Amino acid sequence: KSGIGYWGVYHFTRDIFTYISLRSRKHNKAIQKVAEAYAVLIPLFLVSIEFYNQRSDIVVQNGLHMGKELADPFEIELITNLPTQQNSDCGVYVACFAEYIIEDLPIPVANFDVDGLRARFGILLWHYGRNKQLHGKSSESEAPVAPKKTRGKKRKK
């Protein structure tokens, strides 16, 4: 969450790409501020846990890392050619942006059918809930709470 009551998607490789469906100076500034904190903290964290030493698939001498120190802040890019929300419905946009990013697909601008996508998510959630009912499964948040451990009985004075 961006700090102004609005959701966005951050995707990072060696840079941070920000995806938001509501653009204005105020929103862009708030999104930039959040991204700047992560742009500094994430590289420092990755270096401190020796992330790059544990990954043989990441070549730090070329590509995205070329000419940069591992702890250097990430660059930030605001992706601007995106569908824009009309009715304070950023949730469906954020979910769709994330899905397109995960699937490595371009986000459609002209044919972004927010009502159809909202209905699709509703159907997916209904199927998920129905399958849980049919198979007697529960989510972690629905599982019974473990009893609290006690250290023994209190002594009477």
C-alpha atoms as a PDB file:
ATOM      1  CA  LYS A   1       0.000   0.000   0.000  1.00  0.00           C
ATOM      2  CA  SER A   2       1.384   3.378  -0.965  1.00  0.00           C
ATOM      3  CA  GLY A   3       0.580   5.360   2.181  1.00  0.00           C
ATOM      4  CA  ILE A   4      -2.253   7.290   0.533  1.00  0.00           C
ATOM      5  CA  GLY A   5      -4.867   4.562   0.699  1.00  0.00           C
ATOM      6  CA  TYR A   6      -3.999   3.180  -2.710  1.00  0.00           C
ATOM      7  CA  TRP A   7      -2.486  -0.067  -3.980  1.00  0.00           C
ATOM      8  CA  GLY A   8       0.168  -0.513  -6.634  1.00  0.00           C
ATOM      9  CA  VAL A   9       2.345  -3.334  -7.962  1.00  0.00           C
ATOM     10  CA  TYR A  10       6.121  -3.254  -7.714  1.00  0.00           C
ATOM     11  CA  HIS A  11       8.093  -5.626  -9.932  1.00  0.00           C
ATOM     12  CA  PHE A  12      11.836  -5.760  -9.592  1.00  0.00           C
ATOM     13  CA  THR A  13      14.685  -7.382 -11.427  1.00  0.00           C
ATOM     14  CA  ARG A  14      17.703  -5.121 -10.914  1.00  0.00           C
ATOM     15  CA  ASP A  15      15.373  -2.160 -11.265  1.00  0.00           C
ATOM     16  CA  ILE A  16      11.983  -1.487  -9.684  1.00  0.00           C
ATOM     17  CA  PHE A  17       9.055  -1.121 -12.059  1.00  0.00           C
ATOM     18  CA  THR A  18       5.940   0.461 -10.562  1.00  0.00           C
ATOM     19  CA  TYR A  19       2.486  -0.236 -11.934  1.00  0.00           C
ATOM     20  CA  ILE A  20      -0.414   1.960 -10.790  1.00  0.00           C
ATOM     21  CA  SER A  21      -3.843   2.500 -12.315  1.00  0.00           C
ATOM     22  CA  LEU A  22      -4.477   5.978 -10.898  1.00  0.00           C
ATOM     23  CA  ARG A  23      -2.062   8.648 -11.981  1.00  0.00           C
ATOM     24  CA  SER A  24      -1.707  12.157 -10.696  1.00  0.00           C
ATOM     25  CA  ARG A  25       1.174  14.181  -9.301  1.00  0.00           C
ATOM     26  CA  LYS A  26       0.101  13.306  -5.763  1.00  0.00           C
ATOM     27  CA  HIS A  27      -0.105   9.560  -6.458  1.00  0.00           C
ATOM     28  CA  ASN A  28       3.095   9.471  -8.496  1.00  0.00           C
ATOM     29  CA  LYS A  29       4.983  11.279  -5.718  1.00  0.00           C
ATOM     30  CA  ALA A  30       3.685   8.884  -3.037  1.00  0.00           C
ATOM     31  CA  ILE A  31       4.492   5.832  -5.168  1.00  0.00           C
ATOM     32  CA  GLN A  32       7.981   7.213  -5.877  1.00  0.00           C
ATOM     33  CA  LYS A  33       8.604   7.747  -2.156  1.00  0.00           C
ATOM     34  CA  VAL A  34       7.668   4.148  -1.305  1.00  0.00           C
ATOM     35  CA  ALA A  35       9.726   2.783  -4.202  1.00  0.00           C
ATOM     36  CA  GLU A  36      12.785   4.837  -3.168  1.00  0.00           C
ATOM     37  CA  ALA A  37      12.847   3.215   0.266  1.00  0.00           C
ATOM     38  CA  TYR A  38      12.726  -0.267  -1.262  1.00  0.00           C
ATOM     39  CA  ALA A  39      15.266   0.713  -3.936  1.00  0.00           C
ATOM     40  CA  VAL A  40      17.797   1.332  -1.159  1.00  0.00           C
ATOM     41  CA  LEU A  41      16.823  -1.403   1.317  1.00  0.00           C
ATOM     42  CA  ILE A  42      16.412  -4.418  -0.988  1.00  0.00           C
ATOM     43  CA  PRO A  43      19.962  -4.345  -2.440  1.00  0.00           C
ATOM     44  CA  LEU A  44      21.454  -3.933   1.054  1.00  0.00           C
ATOM     45  CA  PHE A  45      19.357  -6.823   2.338  1.00  0.00           C
ATOM     46  CA  LEU A  46      20.316  -9.076  -0.588  1.00  0.00           C
ATOM     47  CA  VAL A  47      24.013  -8.369   0.005  1.00  0.00           C
ATOM     48  CA  SER A  48      23.702  -8.913   3.781  1.00  0.00           C
ATOM     49  CA  ILE A  49      22.182 -12.387   3.317  1.00  0.00           C
ATOM     50  CA  GLU A  50      24.714 -13.203   0.573  1.00  0.00           C
ATOM     51  CA  PHE A  51      21.898 -13.767  -1.901  1.00  0.00           C
ATOM     52  CA  TYR A  52      24.096 -13.393  -4.976  1.00  0.00           C
ATOM     53  CA  ASN A  53      26.674 -15.888  -3.653  1.00  0.00           C
ATOM     54  CA  GLN A  54      23.937 -18.507  -3.347  1.00  0.00           C
ATOM     55  CA  ARG A  55      22.593 -18.078  -6.889  1.00  0.00           C
ATOM     56  CA  SER A  56      24.638 -19.522  -9.734  1.00  0.00           C
ATOM     57  CA  ASP A  57      21.987 -18.414 -12.260  1.00  0.00           C
ATOM     58  CA  ILE A  58      22.658 -14.705 -11.630  1.00  0.00           C
ATOM     59  CA  VAL A  59      25.719 -13.321 -13.403  1.00  0.00           C
ATOM     60  CA  VAL A  60      26.642 -10.061 -11.700  1.00  0.00           C
ATOM     61  CA  GLN A  61      29.418  -9.052 -14.122  1.00  0.00           C
ATOM     62  CA  ASN A  62      27.087  -8.311 -17.040  1.00  0.00           C
ATOM     63  CA  GLY A  63      23.496  -7.688 -18.042  1.00  0.00           C
ATOM     64  CA  LEU A  64      21.384  -5.798 -15.539  1.00  0.00           C
ATOM     65  CA  HIS A  65      24.226  -5.637 -13.005  1.00  0.00           C
ATOM     66  CA  MET A  66      26.935  -4.362 -15.368  1.00  0.00           C
ATOM     67  CA  GLY A  67      28.707  -1.291 -14.005  1.00  0.00           C
ATOM     68  CA  LYS A  68      26.867  -1.430 -10.690  1.00  0.00           C
ATOM     69  CA  GLU A  69      27.868  -2.494  -7.221  1.00  0.00           C
ATOM     70  CA  LEU A  70      25.587  -5.112  -5.686  1.00  0.00           C
ATOM     71  CA  ALA A  71      24.565  -2.743  -2.882  1.00  0.00           C
ATOM     72  CA  ASP A  72      23.811   0.188  -5.223  1.00  0.00           C
ATOM     73  CA  PRO A  73      20.173   1.329  -5.063  1.00  0.00           C
ATOM     74  CA  PHE A  74      17.857   0.003  -7.752  1.00  0.00           C
ATOM     75  CA  GLU A  75      16.666   2.349 -10.482  1.00  0.00           C
ATOM     76  CA  ILE A  76      12.935   3.139 -10.372  1.00  0.00           C
ATOM     77  CA  GLU A  77      10.703   3.263 -13.436  1.00  0.00           C
ATOM     78  CA  LEU A  78       7.045   4.273 -13.374  1.00  0.00           C
ATOM     79  CA  ILE A  79       5.208   2.327 -16.077  1.00  0.00           C
ATOM     80  CA  THR A  80       2.820   4.798 -17.682  1.00  0.00           C
ATOM     81  CA  ASN A  81       1.124   3.076 -20.626  1.00  0.00           C
ATOM     82  CA  LEU A  82      -1.453   1.253 -18.490  1.00  0.00           C
ATOM     83  CA  PRO A  83      -5.229   1.121 -18.187  1.00  0.00           C
ATOM     84  CA  THR A  84      -6.516   3.712 -15.719  1.00  0.00           C
ATOM     85  CA  GLN A  85      -9.212   3.167 -13.140  1.00  0.00           C
ATOM     86  CA  GLN A  86     -12.435   5.144 -13.138  1.00  0.00           C
ATOM     87  CA  ASN A  87     -14.258   4.157  -9.934  1.00  0.00           C
ATOM     88  CA  SER A  88     -11.801   3.682  -7.046  1.00  0.00           C
ATOM     89  CA  ASP A  89     -11.459   0.039  -8.036  1.00  0.00           C
ATOM     90  CA  CYS A  90      -7.677  -0.256  -7.883  1.00  0.00           C
ATOM     91  CA  GLY A  91      -7.859  -3.783  -6.415  1.00  0.00           C
ATOM     92  CA  VAL A  92      -8.940  -5.454  -9.643  1.00  0.00           C
ATOM     93  CA  TYR A  93      -6.345  -3.465 -11.590  1.00  0.00           C
ATOM     94  CA  VAL A  94      -3.536  -4.409  -9.202  1.00  0.00           C
ATOM     95  CA  ALA A  95      -4.550  -8.083  -9.292  1.00  0.00           C
ATOM     96  CA  CYS A  96      -4.630  -8.025 -13.096  1.00  0.00           C
ATOM     97  CA  PHE A  97      -1.311  -6.183 -13.405  1.00  0.00           C
ATOM     98  CA  ALA A  98       0.289  -8.778 -11.118  1.00  0.00           C
ATOM     99  CA  GLU A  99      -1.201 -11.626 -13.141  1.00  0.00           C
ATOM    100  CA  TYR A 100       0.103 -10.211 -16.430  1.00  0.00           C
ATOM    101  CA  ILE A 101       3.563  -9.662 -14.906  1.00  0.00           C
ATOM    102  CA  ILE A 102       3.667 -13.225 -13.525  1.00  0.00           C
ATOM    103  CA  GLU A 103       2.610 -14.647 -16.890  1.00  0.00           C
ATOM    104  CA  ASP A 104       5.138 -12.347 -18.658  1.00  0.00           C
ATOM    105  CA  LEU A 105       2.390 -10.923 -20.872  1.00  0.00           C
ATOM    106  CA  PRO A 106       1.917  -7.338 -22.040  1.00  0.00           C
ATOM    107  CA  ILE A 107      -0.826  -5.481 -20.166  1.00  0.00           C
ATOM    108  CA  PRO A 108      -3.552  -4.592 -22.670  1.00  0.00           C
ATOM    109  CA  VAL A 109      -4.535  -0.934 -22.663  1.00  0.00           C
ATOM    110  CA  ALA A 110      -7.254  -0.762 -25.310  1.00  0.00           C
ATOM    111  CA  ASN A 111      -9.122  -3.976 -24.452  1.00  0.00           C
ATOM    112  CA  PHE A 112      -8.850  -3.952 -20.650  1.00  0.00           C
ATOM    113  CA  ASP A 113     -12.346  -5.104 -19.655  1.00  0.00           C
ATOM    114  CA  VAL A 114     -12.406  -4.363 -15.924  1.00  0.00           C
ATOM    115  CA  ASP A 115     -15.989  -5.616 -15.472  1.00  0.00           C
ATOM    116  CA  GLY A 116     -15.190  -8.896 -17.215  1.00  0.00           C
ATOM    117  CA  LEU A 117     -12.000  -9.308 -15.185  1.00  0.00           C
ATOM    118  CA  ARG A 118     -13.835  -8.554 -11.935  1.00  0.00           C
ATOM    119  CA  ALA A 119     -16.420 -11.230 -12.828  1.00  0.00           C
ATOM    120  CA  ARG A 120     -13.611 -13.668 -13.679  1.00  0.00           C
ATOM    121  CA  PHE A 121     -11.974 -13.140 -10.267  1.00  0.00           C
ATOM    122  CA  GLY A 122     -15.351 -13.607  -8.581  1.00  0.00           C
ATOM    123  CA  ILE A 123     -15.852 -16.921 -10.379  1.00  0.00           C
ATOM    124  CA  LEU A 124     -12.329 -18.074  -9.493  1.00  0.00           C
ATOM    125  CA  LEU A 125     -12.913 -17.255  -5.808  1.00  0.00           C
ATOM    126  CA  TRP A 126     -16.289 -19.022  -5.852  1.00  0.00           C
ATOM    127  CA  HIS A 127     -14.702 -22.161  -7.354  1.00  0.00           C
ATOM    128  CA  TYR A 128     -11.896 -22.015  -4.792  1.00  0.00           C
ATOM    129  CA  GLY A 129     -14.364 -21.765  -1.897  1.00  0.00           C
ATOM    130  CA  ARG A 130     -16.600 -24.488  -3.340  1.00  0.00           C
ATOM    131  CA  ASN A 131     -13.656 -26.891  -3.775  1.00  0.00           C
ATOM    132  CA  LYS A 132     -12.637 -26.273  -0.166  1.00  0.00           C
ATOM    133  CA  GLN A 133     -16.169 -27.155   0.963  1.00  0.00           C
ATOM    134  CA  LEU A 134     -16.387 -30.286  -1.179  1.00  0.00           C
ATOM    135  CA  HIS A 135     -13.006 -31.613  -0.066  1.00  0.00           C
ATOM    136  CA  GLY A 136     -13.184 -30.514   3.585  1.00  0.00           C
ATOM    137  CA  LYS A 137     -10.099 -28.323   3.366  1.00  0.00           C
ATOM    138  CA  SER A 138      -9.333 -25.192   5.327  1.00  0.00           C
ATOM    139  CA  SER A 139      -6.954 -22.328   4.800  1.00  0.00           C
ATOM    140  CA  GLU A 140      -4.246 -21.683   7.354  1.00  0.00           C
ATOM    141  CA  SER A 141      -6.184 -18.696   8.707  1.00  0.00           C
ATOM    142  CA  GLU A 142      -9.235 -20.953   9.228  1.00  0.00           C
ATOM    143  CA  ALA A 143      -7.362 -23.734  11.005  1.00  0.00           C
ATOM    144  CA  PRO A 144      -8.060 -24.177  14.728  1.00  0.00           C
ATOM    145  CA  VAL A 145      -5.882 -22.070  16.977  1.00  0.00           C
ATOM    146  CA  ALA A 146      -3.298 -24.071  18.910  1.00  0.00           C
ATOM    147  CA  PRO A 147      -3.880 -24.028  22.676  1.00  0.00           C
ATOM    148  CA  LYS A 148      -1.665 -21.689  24.654  1.00  0.00           C
ATOM    149  CA  LYS A 149       1.170 -23.359  26.488  1.00  0.00           C
ATOM    150  CA  THR A 150       1.169 -23.068  30.240  1.00  0.00           C
ATOM    151  CA  ARG A 151       4.199 -23.248  32.454  1.00  0.00           C
ATOM    152  CA  GLY A 152       2.426 -24.953  35.279  1.00  0.00           C
ATOM    153  CA  LYS A 153      -0.073 -24.097  37.947  1.00  0.00           C
ATOM    154  CA  LYS A 154       0.263 -20.933  39.947  1.00  0.00           C
ATOM    155  CA  ARG A 155       1.093 -21.446  43.592  1.00  0.00           C
ATOM    156  CA  LYS A 156      -1.342 -20.285  46.208  1.00  0.00           C
ATOM    157  CA  LYS A 157       0.037 -17.807  48.675  1.00  0.00           C
END
